[in-house]
C-alpha atoms as a PDB file:
ATOM      1  CA  MET A   1     -62.715  93.191 150.497  1.00  0.00           C
ATOM      2  CA  SER A   2     -62.231  91.948 154.045  1.00  0.00           C
ATOM      3  CA  GLY A   3     -62.798  94.527 156.773  1.00  0.00           C
ATOM      4  CA  ASP A   4     -62.518  92.358 159.906  1.00  0.00           C
ATOM      5  CA  LYS A   5     -59.592  94.321 161.322  1.00  0.00           C
ATOM      6  CA  ALA A   6     -60.371  97.623 159.621  1.00  0.00           C
ATOM      7  CA  PHE A   7     -60.501 100.856 161.612  1.00  0.00           C
ATOM      8  CA  ILE A   8     -62.201 102.724 158.754  1.00  0.00           C
ATOM      9  CA  GLN A   9     -64.594 100.839 156.458  1.00  0.00           C
ATOM     10  CA  VAL A  10     -66.010 102.577 153.383  1.00  0.00           C
ATOM     11  CA  LYS A  11     -68.804 100.557 151.805  1.00  0.00           C
ATOM     12  CA  ASP A  12     -70.337 101.449 148.430  1.00  0.00           C
ATOM     13  CA  LEU A  13     -69.936 105.163 149.227  1.00  0.00           C
ATOM     14  CA  LYS A  14     -71.743 107.602 146.930  1.00  0.00           C
ATOM     15  CA  LYS A  15     -71.863 111.373 146.779  1.00  0.00           C
ATOM     16  CA  TYR A  16     -73.994 112.992 144.079  1.00  0.00           C
ATOM     17  CA  PHE A  17     -74.579 116.676 143.377  1.00  0.00           C
ATOM     18  CA  ASN A  18     -77.598 118.075 141.533  1.00  0.00           C
ATOM     19  CA  VAL A  19     -76.201 120.434 138.900  1.00  0.00           C
ATOM     20  CA  GLY A  20     -79.318 121.047 136.826  1.00  0.00           C
ATOM     21  CA  ARG A  21     -82.960 120.179 136.424  1.00  0.00           C
ATOM     22  CA  LYS A  22     -82.203 116.632 135.296  1.00  0.00           C
ATOM     23  CA  ALA A  23     -78.424 116.517 135.694  1.00  0.00           C
ATOM     24  CA  THR A  24     -76.595 114.671 138.473  1.00  0.00           C
ATOM     25  CA  LEU A  25     -72.860 114.903 139.027  1.00  0.00           C
ATOM     26  CA  LYS A  26     -71.697 111.537 140.372  1.00  0.00           C
ATOM     27  CA  ALA A  27     -68.512 112.691 142.118  1.00  0.00           C
ATOM     28  CA  VAL A  28     -68.151 109.502 144.165  1.00  0.00           C
ATOM     29  CA  ASP A  29     -70.045 106.506 142.820  1.00  0.00           C
ATOM     30  CA  GLY A  30     -69.840 103.277 144.797  1.00  0.00           C
ATOM     31  CA  VAL A  31     -66.345 103.414 146.327  1.00  0.00           C
ATOM     32  CA  ASN A  32     -65.111 100.656 148.663  1.00  0.00           C
ATOM     33  CA  PHE A  33     -61.957 100.535 150.778  1.00  0.00           C
ATOM     34  CA  ASN A  34     -60.719  99.811 154.309  1.00  0.00           C
ATOM     35  CA  ILE A  35     -57.972 101.375 156.430  1.00  0.00           C
ATOM     36  CA  LYS A  36     -56.377  99.537 159.332  1.00  0.00           C
ATOM     37  CA  LYS A  37     -55.399 101.325 162.518  1.00  0.00           C
ATOM     38  CA  GLY A  38     -51.981 102.966 162.188  1.00  0.00           C
ATOM     39  CA  GLU A  39     -51.992 102.550 158.395  1.00  0.00           C
ATOM     40  CA  THR A  40     -51.750 105.137 155.622  1.00  0.00           C
ATOM     41  CA  LEU A  41     -53.970 104.670 152.583  1.00  0.00           C
ATOM     42  CA  GLY A  42     -52.978 106.855 149.657  1.00  0.00           C
ATOM     43  CA  LEU A  43     -55.752 107.978 147.305  1.00  0.00           C
ATOM     44  CA  VAL A  44     -54.586 109.102 143.853  1.00  0.00           C
ATOM     45  CA  GLY A  45     -56.026 110.027 140.490  1.00  0.00           C
ATOM     46  CA  GLU A  46     -56.166 112.954 138.087  1.00  0.00           C
ATOM     47  CA  SER A  47     -57.917 116.200 138.997  1.00  0.00           C
ATOM     48  CA  GLY A  48     -61.700 115.860 139.119  1.00  0.00           C
ATOM     49  CA  CYS A  49     -61.729 112.122 139.840  1.00  0.00           C
ATOM     50  CA  GLY A  50     -63.480 112.589 143.199  1.00  0.00           C
ATOM     51  CA  LYS A  51     -60.573 112.169 145.664  1.00  0.00           C
ATOM     52  CA  THR A  52     -61.297 115.250 147.770  1.00  0.00           C
ATOM     53  CA  THR A  53     -65.056 114.692 147.709  1.00  0.00           C
ATOM     54  CA  CYS A  54     -64.475 111.131 148.884  1.00  0.00           C
ATOM     55  CA  GLY A  55     -62.264 112.323 151.747  1.00  0.00           C
ATOM     56  CA  ARG A  56     -64.738 114.959 152.883  1.00  0.00           C
ATOM     57  CA  THR A  57     -67.629 112.492 152.726  1.00  0.00           C
ATOM     58  CA  VAL A  58     -65.630 110.005 154.797  1.00  0.00           C
ATOM     59  CA  MET A  59     -65.149 112.781 157.367  1.00  0.00           C
ATOM     60  CA  GLY A  60     -68.858 113.595 157.375  1.00  0.00           C
ATOM     61  CA  LEU A  61     -68.323 117.109 155.986  1.00  0.00           C
ATOM     62  CA  TYR A  62     -70.576 116.052 153.085  1.00  0.00           C
ATOM     63  CA  GLU A  63     -73.680 113.964 153.592  1.00  0.00           C
ATOM     64  CA  ALA A  64     -73.402 110.664 151.734  1.00  0.00           C
ATOM     65  CA  SER A  65     -75.853 110.024 148.889  1.00  0.00           C
ATOM     66  CA  GLY A  66     -75.530 106.292 149.517  1.00  0.00           C
ATOM     67  CA  GLY A  67     -73.418 103.645 151.187  1.00  0.00           C
ATOM     68  CA  GLU A  68     -71.833 104.003 154.594  1.00  0.00           C
ATOM     69  CA  VAL A  69     -68.632 104.944 156.404  1.00  0.00           C
ATOM     70  CA  LEU A  70     -67.860 102.924 159.532  1.00  0.00           C
ATOM     71  CA  PHE A  71     -65.437 104.552 161.957  1.00  0.00           C
ATOM     72  CA  ASP A  72     -64.359 102.034 164.601  1.00  0.00           C
ATOM     73  CA  GLY A  73     -67.605 100.160 163.866  1.00  0.00           C
ATOM     74  CA  THR A  74     -69.937 103.192 164.002  1.00  0.00           C
ATOM     75  CA  ASN A  75     -71.685 104.729 160.970  1.00  0.00           C
ATOM     76  CA  VAL A  76     -70.356 108.294 160.647  1.00  0.00           C
ATOM     77  CA  HIS A  77     -73.422 109.582 158.802  1.00  0.00           C
ATOM     78  CA  LYS A  78     -75.855 108.482 161.491  1.00  0.00           C
ATOM     79  CA  LEU A  79     -74.095 110.178 164.397  1.00  0.00           C
ATOM     80  CA  LYS A  80     -75.931 112.924 166.260  1.00  0.00           C
ATOM     81  CA  GLY A  81     -75.432 115.095 169.328  1.00  0.00           C
ATOM     82  CA  LYS A  82     -72.659 114.040 171.695  1.00  0.00           C
ATOM     83  CA  ALA A  83     -71.697 111.023 169.561  1.00  0.00           C
ATOM     84  CA  LYS A  84     -71.047 113.290 166.561  1.00  0.00           C
ATOM     85  CA  LYS A  85     -69.079 115.732 168.725  1.00  0.00           C
ATOM     86  CA  ASP A  86     -66.961 112.857 170.025  1.00  0.00           C
ATOM     87  CA  PHE A  87     -66.305 111.744 166.438  1.00  0.00           C
ATOM     88  CA  THR A  88     -65.082 115.235 165.455  1.00  0.00           C
ATOM     89  CA  LYS A  89     -62.542 114.978 168.260  1.00  0.00           C
ATOM     90  CA  ARG A  90     -61.225 111.615 167.050  1.00  0.00           C
ATOM     91  CA  ALA A  91     -61.198 112.460 163.307  1.00  0.00           C
ATOM     92  CA  GLN A  92     -59.591 115.573 161.826  1.00  0.00           C
ATOM     93  CA  ILE A  93     -58.679 116.945 158.400  1.00  0.00           C
ATOM     94  CA  ILE A  94     -55.705 118.850 156.993  1.00  0.00           C
ATOM     95  CA  PHE A  95     -56.964 121.003 154.136  1.00  0.00           C
ATOM     96  CA  GLN A  96     -55.308 121.442 150.758  1.00  0.00           C
ATOM     97  CA  ASP A  97     -54.914 125.225 150.759  1.00  0.00           C
ATOM     98  CA  PRO A  98     -52.927 126.572 153.734  1.00  0.00           C
ATOM     99  CA  TYR A  99     -53.866 130.100 152.663  1.00  0.00           C
ATOM    100  CA  ALA A 100     -57.651 129.670 152.618  1.00  0.00           C
ATOM    101  CA  SER A 101     -58.023 127.221 155.516  1.00  0.00           C
ATOM    102  CA  LEU A 102     -56.741 129.579 158.239  1.00  0.00           C
ATOM    103  CA  ASN A 103     -58.885 132.483 159.476  1.00  0.00           C
ATOM    104  CA  PRO A 104     -56.865 135.657 158.705  1.00  0.00           C
ATOM    105  CA  ARG A 105     -58.463 137.508 161.636  1.00  0.00           C
ATOM    106  CA  MET A 106     -57.435 134.962 164.261  1.00  0.00           C
ATOM    107  CA  THR A 107     -54.030 134.566 165.877  1.00  0.00           C
ATOM    108  CA  VAL A 108     -52.226 131.251 165.489  1.00  0.00           C
ATOM    109  CA  SER A 109     -52.925 130.520 169.141  1.00  0.00           C
ATOM    110  CA  ASP A 110     -56.692 130.901 168.689  1.00  0.00           C
ATOM    111  CA  ILE A 111     -56.686 128.912 165.431  1.00  0.00           C
ATOM    112  CA  ILE A 112     -54.931 125.945 167.046  1.00  0.00           C
ATOM    113  CA  ALA A 113     -56.976 126.163 170.258  1.00  0.00           C
ATOM    114  CA  ALA A 114     -60.392 126.434 168.551  1.00  0.00           C
ATOM    115  CA  GLY A 115     -61.051 122.700 168.901  1.00  0.00           C
ATOM    116  CA  ILE A 116     -59.555 122.644 172.396  1.00  0.00           C
ATOM    117  CA  ASP A 117     -62.087 125.295 173.444  1.00  0.00           C
ATOM    118  CA  ILE A 118     -65.033 123.528 171.810  1.00  0.00           C
ATOM    119  CA  HIS A 119     -64.240 120.228 173.517  1.00  0.00           C
ATOM    120  CA  ARG A 120     -63.081 121.934 176.741  1.00  0.00           C
ATOM    121  CA  LEU A 121     -59.864 119.934 176.858  1.00  0.00           C
ATOM    122  CA  TYR A 122     -57.687 122.602 178.485  1.00  0.00           C
ATOM    123  CA  SER A 123     -58.210 126.014 180.061  1.00  0.00           C
ATOM    124  CA  GLY A 124     -56.144 128.846 181.491  1.00  0.00           C
ATOM    125  CA  ARG A 125     -52.402 128.292 181.527  1.00  0.00           C
ATOM    126  CA  ASP A 126     -52.747 124.661 180.452  1.00  0.00           C
ATOM    127  CA  ARG A 127     -54.428 125.829 177.233  1.00  0.00           C
ATOM    128  CA  ILE A 128     -51.597 128.083 176.111  1.00  0.00           C
ATOM    129  CA  ASN A 129     -48.993 125.515 177.195  1.00  0.00           C
ATOM    130  CA  ARG A 130     -50.763 122.962 174.978  1.00  0.00           C
ATOM    131  CA  VAL A 131     -50.614 125.429 172.058  1.00  0.00           C
ATOM    132  CA  TYR A 132     -46.871 125.925 172.664  1.00  0.00           C
ATOM    133  CA  GLU A 133     -46.412 122.148 172.764  1.00  0.00           C
ATOM    134  CA  LEU A 134     -48.245 121.688 169.454  1.00  0.00           C
ATOM    135  CA  LEU A 135     -46.223 124.453 167.795  1.00  0.00           C
ATOM    136  CA  ASN A 136     -43.044 122.747 168.960  1.00  0.00           C
ATOM    137  CA  ILE A 137     -44.270 119.363 167.636  1.00  0.00           C
ATOM    138  CA  VAL A 138     -44.716 120.783 164.113  1.00  0.00           C
ATOM    139  CA  GLY A 139     -41.410 122.647 164.118  1.00  0.00           C
ATOM    140  CA  LEU A 140     -42.542 126.167 165.053  1.00  0.00           C
ATOM    141  CA  ASN A 141     -41.800 128.317 168.126  1.00  0.00           C
ATOM    142  CA  LYS A 142     -44.016 129.625 170.892  1.00  0.00           C
ATOM    143  CA  GLU A 143     -43.192 133.163 169.665  1.00  0.00           C
ATOM    144  CA  HIS A 144     -45.371 132.349 166.637  1.00  0.00           C
ATOM    145  CA  ALA A 145     -48.500 131.941 168.787  1.00  0.00           C
ATOM    146  CA  ASP A 146     -49.510 135.621 168.773  1.00  0.00           C
ATOM    147  CA  ARG A 147     -48.934 136.200 165.063  1.00  0.00           C
ATOM    148  CA  PHE A 148     -51.485 136.116 162.247  1.00  0.00           C
ATOM    149  CA  PRO A 149     -51.510 133.727 159.240  1.00  0.00           C
ATOM    150  CA  HIS A 150     -50.365 136.375 156.724  1.00  0.00           C
ATOM    151  CA  GLU A 151     -47.038 136.606 158.567  1.00  0.00           C
ATOM    152  CA  PHE A 152     -46.067 133.046 157.621  1.00  0.00           C
ATOM    153  CA  SER A 153     -44.840 131.230 154.524  1.00  0.00           C
ATOM    154  CA  GLY A 154     -46.910 128.506 152.843  1.00  0.00           C
ATOM    155  CA  GLY A 155     -44.979 125.707 154.552  1.00  0.00           C
ATOM    156  CA  GLN A 156     -45.360 127.344 157.962  1.00  0.00           C
ATOM    157  CA  ARG A 157     -49.097 127.802 157.412  1.00  0.00           C
ATOM    158  CA  GLN A 158     -49.482 124.138 156.574  1.00  0.00           C
ATOM    159  CA  ARG A 159     -47.629 123.299 159.794  1.00  0.00           C
ATOM    160  CA  ILE A 160     -50.161 125.444 161.657  1.00  0.00           C
ATOM    161  CA  GLY A 161     -52.936 123.469 159.946  1.00  0.00           C
ATOM    162  CA  ILE A 162     -51.291 120.222 161.088  1.00  0.00           C
ATOM    163  CA  ALA A 163     -51.000 121.556 164.653  1.00  0.00           C
ATOM    164  CA  ARG A 164     -54.705 122.434 164.584  1.00  0.00           C
ATOM    165  CA  ALA A 165     -55.549 118.897 163.450  1.00  0.00           C
ATOM    166  CA  LEU A 166     -53.394 117.411 166.239  1.00  0.00           C
ATOM    167  CA  ALA A 167     -54.859 119.641 168.956  1.00  0.00           C
ATOM    168  CA  MET A 168     -57.659 117.215 169.862  1.00  0.00           C
ATOM    169  CA  GLU A 169     -55.344 114.184 169.875  1.00  0.00           C
ATOM    170  CA  PRO A 170     -57.198 112.452 166.995  1.00  0.00           C
ATOM    171  CA  ASP A 171     -56.925 108.833 165.914  1.00  0.00           C
ATOM    172  CA  PHE A 172     -57.623 109.476 162.221  1.00  0.00           C
ATOM    173  CA  ILE A 173     -56.609 112.331 159.907  1.00  0.00           C
ATOM    174  CA  VAL A 174     -57.677 112.955 156.320  1.00  0.00           C
ATOM    175  CA  CYS A 175     -54.747 114.667 154.590  1.00  0.00           C
ATOM    176  CA  ASP A 176     -56.404 116.394 151.627  1.00  0.00           C
ATOM    177  CA  GLU A 177     -53.526 117.167 149.244  1.00  0.00           C
ATOM    178  CA  PRO A 178     -51.574 118.777 152.113  1.00  0.00           C
ATOM    179  CA  ILE A 179     -48.487 119.473 149.978  1.00  0.00           C
ATOM    180  CA  SER A 180     -49.909 120.496 146.582  1.00  0.00           C
ATOM    181  CA  ALA A 181     -49.835 124.240 147.361  1.00  0.00           C
ATOM    182  CA  LEU A 182     -46.280 124.146 148.735  1.00  0.00           C
ATOM    183  CA  ASP A 183     -42.870 124.629 147.147  1.00  0.00           C
ATOM    184  CA  VAL A 184     -41.098 121.400 146.208  1.00  0.00           C
ATOM    185  CA  SER A 185     -38.387 122.075 148.799  1.00  0.00           C
ATOM    186  CA  ILE A 186     -41.036 122.263 151.551  1.00  0.00           C
ATOM    187  CA  GLN A 187     -43.129 119.279 150.433  1.00  0.00           C
ATOM    188  CA  ALA A 188     -40.667 116.650 151.673  1.00  0.00           C
ATOM    189  CA  GLN A 189     -40.405 118.412 155.044  1.00  0.00           C
ATOM    190  CA  VAL A 190     -44.184 118.295 155.567  1.00  0.00           C
ATOM    191  CA  VAL A 191     -44.475 114.652 154.440  1.00  0.00           C
ATOM    192  CA  ASN A 192     -41.575 113.593 156.691  1.00  0.00           C
ATOM    193  CA  LEU A 193     -43.266 115.447 159.562  1.00  0.00           C
ATOM    194  CA  LEU A 194     -46.503 113.514 158.945  1.00  0.00           C
ATOM    195  CA  ILE A 195     -44.597 110.203 158.904  1.00  0.00           C
ATOM    196  CA  LYS A 196     -42.793 111.129 162.143  1.00  0.00           C
ATOM    197  CA  LEU A 197     -46.059 112.098 163.864  1.00  0.00           C
ATOM    198  CA  GLN A 198     -47.739 108.895 162.730  1.00  0.00           C
ATOM    199  CA  LYS A 199     -45.002 106.772 164.309  1.00  0.00           C
ATOM    200  CA  GLU A 200     -44.998 108.775 167.542  1.00  0.00           C
ATOM    201  CA  LEU A 201     -48.766 109.167 167.985  1.00  0.00           C
ATOM    202  CA  GLY A 202     -50.095 106.029 166.264  1.00  0.00           C
ATOM    203  CA  LEU A 203     -52.166 107.990 163.745  1.00  0.00           C
ATOM    204  CA  THR A 204     -54.191 106.571 160.850  1.00  0.00           C
ATOM    205  CA  TYR A 205     -54.109 108.555 157.578  1.00  0.00           C
ATOM    206  CA  LEU A 206     -56.143 108.848 154.412  1.00  0.00           C
ATOM    207  CA  PHE A 207     -53.565 110.660 152.266  1.00  0.00           C
ATOM    208  CA  ILE A 208     -55.099 112.277 149.174  1.00  0.00           C
ATOM    209  CA  ALA A 209     -52.684 113.528 146.511  1.00  0.00           C
ATOM    210  CA  HIS A 210     -51.855 113.614 142.818  1.00  0.00           C
ATOM    211  CA  ASP A 211     -48.077 113.526 143.403  1.00  0.00           C
ATOM    212  CA  LEU A 212     -47.511 109.818 142.809  1.00  0.00           C
ATOM    213  CA  SER A 213     -43.887 109.823 143.992  1.00  0.00           C
ATOM    214  CA  MET A 214     -44.826 111.363 147.336  1.00  0.00           C
ATOM    215  CA  VAL A 215     -47.753 108.959 147.773  1.00  0.00           C
ATOM    216  CA  ARG A 216     -45.384 106.035 147.288  1.00  0.00           C
ATOM    217  CA  HIS A 217     -43.109 107.464 149.978  1.00  0.00           C
ATOM    218  CA  ILE A 218     -45.786 107.812 152.670  1.00  0.00           C
ATOM    219  CA  SER A 219     -48.440 105.153 151.919  1.00  0.00           C
ATOM    220  CA  ASP A 220     -48.761 101.526 153.020  1.00  0.00           C
ATOM    221  CA  ARG A 221     -51.472 100.901 150.412  1.00  0.00           C
ATOM    222  CA  VAL A 222     -52.679 102.980 147.460  1.00  0.00           C
ATOM    223  CA  GLY A 223     -56.094 103.302 145.846  1.00  0.00           C
ATOM    224  CA  VAL A 224     -56.457 104.691 142.312  1.00  0.00           C
ATOM    225  CA  MET A 225     -59.666 106.581 141.499  1.00  0.00           C
ATOM    226  CA  TYR A 226     -61.050 107.398 138.073  1.00  0.00           C
ATOM    227  CA  LEU A 227     -64.202 109.501 137.590  1.00  0.00           C
ATOM    228  CA  GLY A 228     -65.774 108.585 140.909  1.00  0.00           C
ATOM    229  CA  LYS A 229     -64.860 104.897 140.806  1.00  0.00           C
ATOM    230  CA  MET A 230     -62.058 102.924 142.448  1.00  0.00           C
ATOM    231  CA  ALA A 231     -60.012 101.399 139.635  1.00  0.00           C
ATOM    232  CA  GLU A 232     -57.349  99.571 141.649  1.00  0.00           C
ATOM    233  CA  ILE A 233     -56.187  99.208 145.233  1.00  0.00           C
ATOM    234  CA  THR A 234     -53.272  97.264 146.695  1.00  0.00           C
ATOM    235  CA  LYS A 235     -50.044  97.586 148.675  1.00  0.00           C
ATOM    236  CA  SER A 236     -47.903 100.527 147.651  1.00  0.00           C
ATOM    237  CA  THR A 237     -44.904  98.461 146.526  1.00  0.00           C
ATOM    238  CA  LYS A 238     -47.092  96.093 144.518  1.00  0.00           C
ATOM    239  CA  LEU A 239     -48.979  98.892 142.764  1.00  0.00           C
ATOM    240  CA  TYR A 240     -45.832 100.657 141.601  1.00  0.00           C
ATOM    241  CA  GLU A 241     -44.039  97.446 140.583  1.00  0.00           C
ATOM    242  CA  ASN A 242     -46.969  95.604 139.013  1.00  0.00           C
ATOM    243  CA  PRO A 243     -49.938  97.840 138.109  1.00  0.00           C
ATOM    244  CA  LEU A 244     -52.802  95.892 136.501  1.00  0.00           C
ATOM    245  CA  HIS A 245     -55.467  98.406 135.488  1.00  0.00           C
ATOM    246  CA  PRO A 246     -54.755 100.157 132.145  1.00  0.00           C
ATOM    247  CA  TYR A 247     -55.427 103.546 133.757  1.00  0.00           C
ATOM    248  CA  THR A 248     -52.998 102.855 136.605  1.00  0.00           C
ATOM    249  CA  LYS A 249     -50.312 101.869 134.085  1.00  0.00           C
ATOM    250  CA  ALA A 250     -50.794 105.132 132.182  1.00  0.00           C
ATOM    251  CA  LEU A 251     -50.801 107.148 135.404  1.00  0.00           C
ATOM    252  CA  LEU A 252     -47.563 105.623 136.678  1.00  0.00           C
ATOM    253  CA  SER A 253     -45.853 106.006 133.311  1.00  0.00           C
ATOM    254  CA  ALA A 254     -46.246 109.783 133.686  1.00  0.00           C
ATOM    255  CA  ILE A 255     -44.058 109.950 136.822  1.00  0.00           C
ATOM    256  CA  PRO A 256     -40.961 111.985 135.897  1.00  0.00           C
ATOM    257  CA  VAL A 257     -37.574 110.327 136.388  1.00  0.00           C
ATOM    258  CA  PRO A 258     -34.747 112.693 137.442  1.00  0.00           C
ATOM    259  CA  GLU A 259     -32.049 110.542 135.792  1.00  0.00           C
ATOM    260  CA  PRO A 260     -31.806 111.574 132.073  1.00  0.00           C
ATOM    261  CA  THR A 261     -30.454 108.228 130.848  1.00  0.00           C
ATOM    262  CA  VAL A 262     -33.338 106.349 132.509  1.00  0.00           C
ATOM    263  CA  SER A 263     -35.892 108.956 131.491  1.00  0.00           C
ATOM    264  CA  ARG A 264     -34.993 108.685 127.780  1.00  0.00           C
ATOM    265  CA  GLY A 265     -35.580 104.931 127.811  1.00  0.00           C
ATOM    266  CA  LYS A 266     -38.849 105.117 129.729  1.00  0.00           C
ATOM    267  CA  LYS A 267     -41.998 104.438 127.705  1.00  0.00           C
ATOM    268  CA  ARG A 268     -44.778 106.939 128.313  1.00  0.00           C
ATOM    269  CA  ILE A 269     -48.345 105.649 127.830  1.00  0.00           C
ATOM    270  CA  LYS A 270     -50.390 108.393 126.183  1.00  0.00           C
ATOM    271  CA  LEU A 271     -54.130 108.091 126.613  1.00  0.00           C
ATOM    272  CA  GLU A 272     -56.302 108.949 123.628  1.00  0.00           C
ATOM    273  CA  GLY A 273     -60.033 109.311 123.265  1.00  0.00           C
ATOM    274  CA  GLU A 274     -62.542 111.574 124.961  1.00  0.00           C
ATOM    275  CA  VAL A 275     -62.748 111.934 128.736  1.00  0.00           C
ATOM    276  CA  PRO A 276     -66.364 111.132 129.679  1.00  0.00           C
ATOM    277  CA  SER A 277     -68.391 113.479 131.845  1.00  0.00           C
ATOM    278  CA  PRO A 278     -69.243 112.480 135.425  1.00  0.00           C
ATOM    279  CA  ILE A 279     -72.647 114.122 134.868  1.00  0.00           C
ATOM    280  CA  ASN A 280     -75.222 111.413 134.113  1.00  0.00           C
ATOM    281  CA  PRO A 281     -72.496 108.907 133.061  1.00  0.00           C
ATOM    282  CA  LYS A 282     -73.304 106.160 130.572  1.00  0.00           C
ATOM    283  CA  PRO A 283     -73.421 102.493 131.634  1.00  0.00           C
ATOM    284  CA  GLY A 284     -70.249 100.444 131.554  1.00  0.00           C
ATOM    285  CA  CYS A 285     -66.659 101.171 132.473  1.00  0.00           C
ATOM    286  CA  ARG A 286     -65.847 104.882 132.908  1.00  0.00           C
ATOM    287  CA  PHE A 287     -62.445 104.328 131.313  1.00  0.00           C
ATOM    288  CA  ALA A 288     -63.771 102.548 128.194  1.00  0.00           C
ATOM    289  CA  SER A 289     -63.518 105.570 125.859  1.00  0.00           C
ATOM    290  CA  ARG A 290     -59.774 105.911 126.565  1.00  0.00           C
ATOM    291  CA  CYS A 291     -58.740 102.264 126.897  1.00  0.00           C
ATOM    292  CA  LYS A 292     -56.895 100.462 124.079  1.00  0.00           C
ATOM    293  CA  TYR A 293     -57.996  97.079 125.461  1.00  0.00           C
ATOM    294  CA  VAL A 294     -61.705  97.939 125.376  1.00  0.00           C
ATOM    295  CA  LYS A 295     -64.221  95.128 124.668  1.00  0.00           C
ATOM    296  CA  ASP A 296     -67.969  95.148 124.010  1.00  0.00           C
ATOM    297  CA  ILE A 297     -68.737  94.247 127.627  1.00  0.00           C
ATOM    298  CA  CYS A 298     -66.910  97.382 128.769  1.00  0.00           C
ATOM    299  CA  TYR A 299     -69.659  99.556 127.267  1.00  0.00           C
ATOM    300  CA  ARG A 300     -72.472  97.482 128.799  1.00  0.00           C
ATOM    301  CA  GLU A 301     -71.409  96.483 132.313  1.00  0.00           C
ATOM    302  CA  THR A 302     -69.629  98.407 135.047  1.00  0.00           C
ATOM    303  CA  PRO A 303     -66.687  96.269 136.268  1.00  0.00           C
ATOM    304  CA  LYS A 304     -66.701  95.364 139.954  1.00  0.00           C
ATOM    305  CA  LEU A 305     -63.684  95.691 142.208  1.00  0.00           C
ATOM    306  CA  LYS A 306     -62.437  92.140 142.701  1.00  0.00           C
ATOM    307  CA  GLU A 307     -59.360  90.476 144.172  1.00  0.00           C
ATOM    308  CA  ILE A 308     -57.055  89.380 141.342  1.00  0.00           C
ATOM    309  CA  GLU A 309     -54.080  88.505 143.545  1.00  0.00           C
ATOM    310  CA  LYS A 310     -53.785  88.471 147.327  1.00  0.00           C
ATOM    311  CA  ASP A 311     -54.753  91.949 148.587  1.00  0.00           C
ATOM    312  CA  HIS A 312     -54.695  93.284 145.014  1.00  0.00           C
ATOM    313  CA  TYR A 313     -58.105  94.525 143.866  1.00  0.00           C
ATOM    314  CA  VAL A 314     -58.878  95.678 140.319  1.00  0.00           C
ATOM    315  CA  ALA A 315     -62.077  96.846 138.605  1.00  0.00           C
ATOM    316  CA  CYS A 316     -61.507  95.768 134.991  1.00  0.00           C
ATOM    317  CA  HIS A 317     -63.116  93.302 132.556  1.00  0.00           C
ATOM    318  CA  LEU A 318     -59.647  92.160 131.458  1.00  0.00           C
ATOM    319  CA  TYR A 319     -59.356  90.153 134.683  1.00  0.00           C
END
């Protein structure tokens, strides 16, 4: 996978957790992808596939068990001191839960300005004016600055989380399922806000979600994860129109269609077989126990992510 023009390069990234005396949970196990500057890469997959762990390891919130993450050519996991502090200014994260990610004892003003204070970007009147500006950018008012998180709805809290991420004028934001805890009516508002901010500020996103319709709406390219591995990655339009990996096909077939006449004629692919455990996984393809196209080699060798068509990468022995 070419990374010549990549802003973010993830190379053979691994994150393991020790969960017992001889048990290792391989949450992220050799993932590769690149993100160009100003691009949005969507990361999808069912719950427990390692999406969030991958995002947090890319950010440096988790130490990598192997591989590397290059941010503008610099290895994130080798940064120390001032270099690491500078990285935290350029890379931010929007957390999944807008209820748990905001300190209930802090006012909105102090929550948003926490990073500003750490990096000493503004002080005095300029500081509060910057907070007002950020609130306005995300669709809130300066009157909200002195309130506490419990006084807001879920959508408003997520907007506060977005304002906090924007406070240090970052280049890269990991959006960790930023809409999953919100009402459906609010989800589109938040996603449209993220798209608007990306165009205005030139942001680069890693957008993690399990809502496949919303990922299609916001992403330039989409990567599909399954049990710690990258199964397929390509341009958003190509993935939805011509999925190649059997897991991707099953995943996309589950997207609900609001039109009853279309929905009745849509064929749903139902996966059978046992879901393997990510703890001490067996050799071979992780999807083998659920795949109807399984071959002997699938139980022996782990498929590598390879380019099947231009910019279309698949990890499957069928190709």
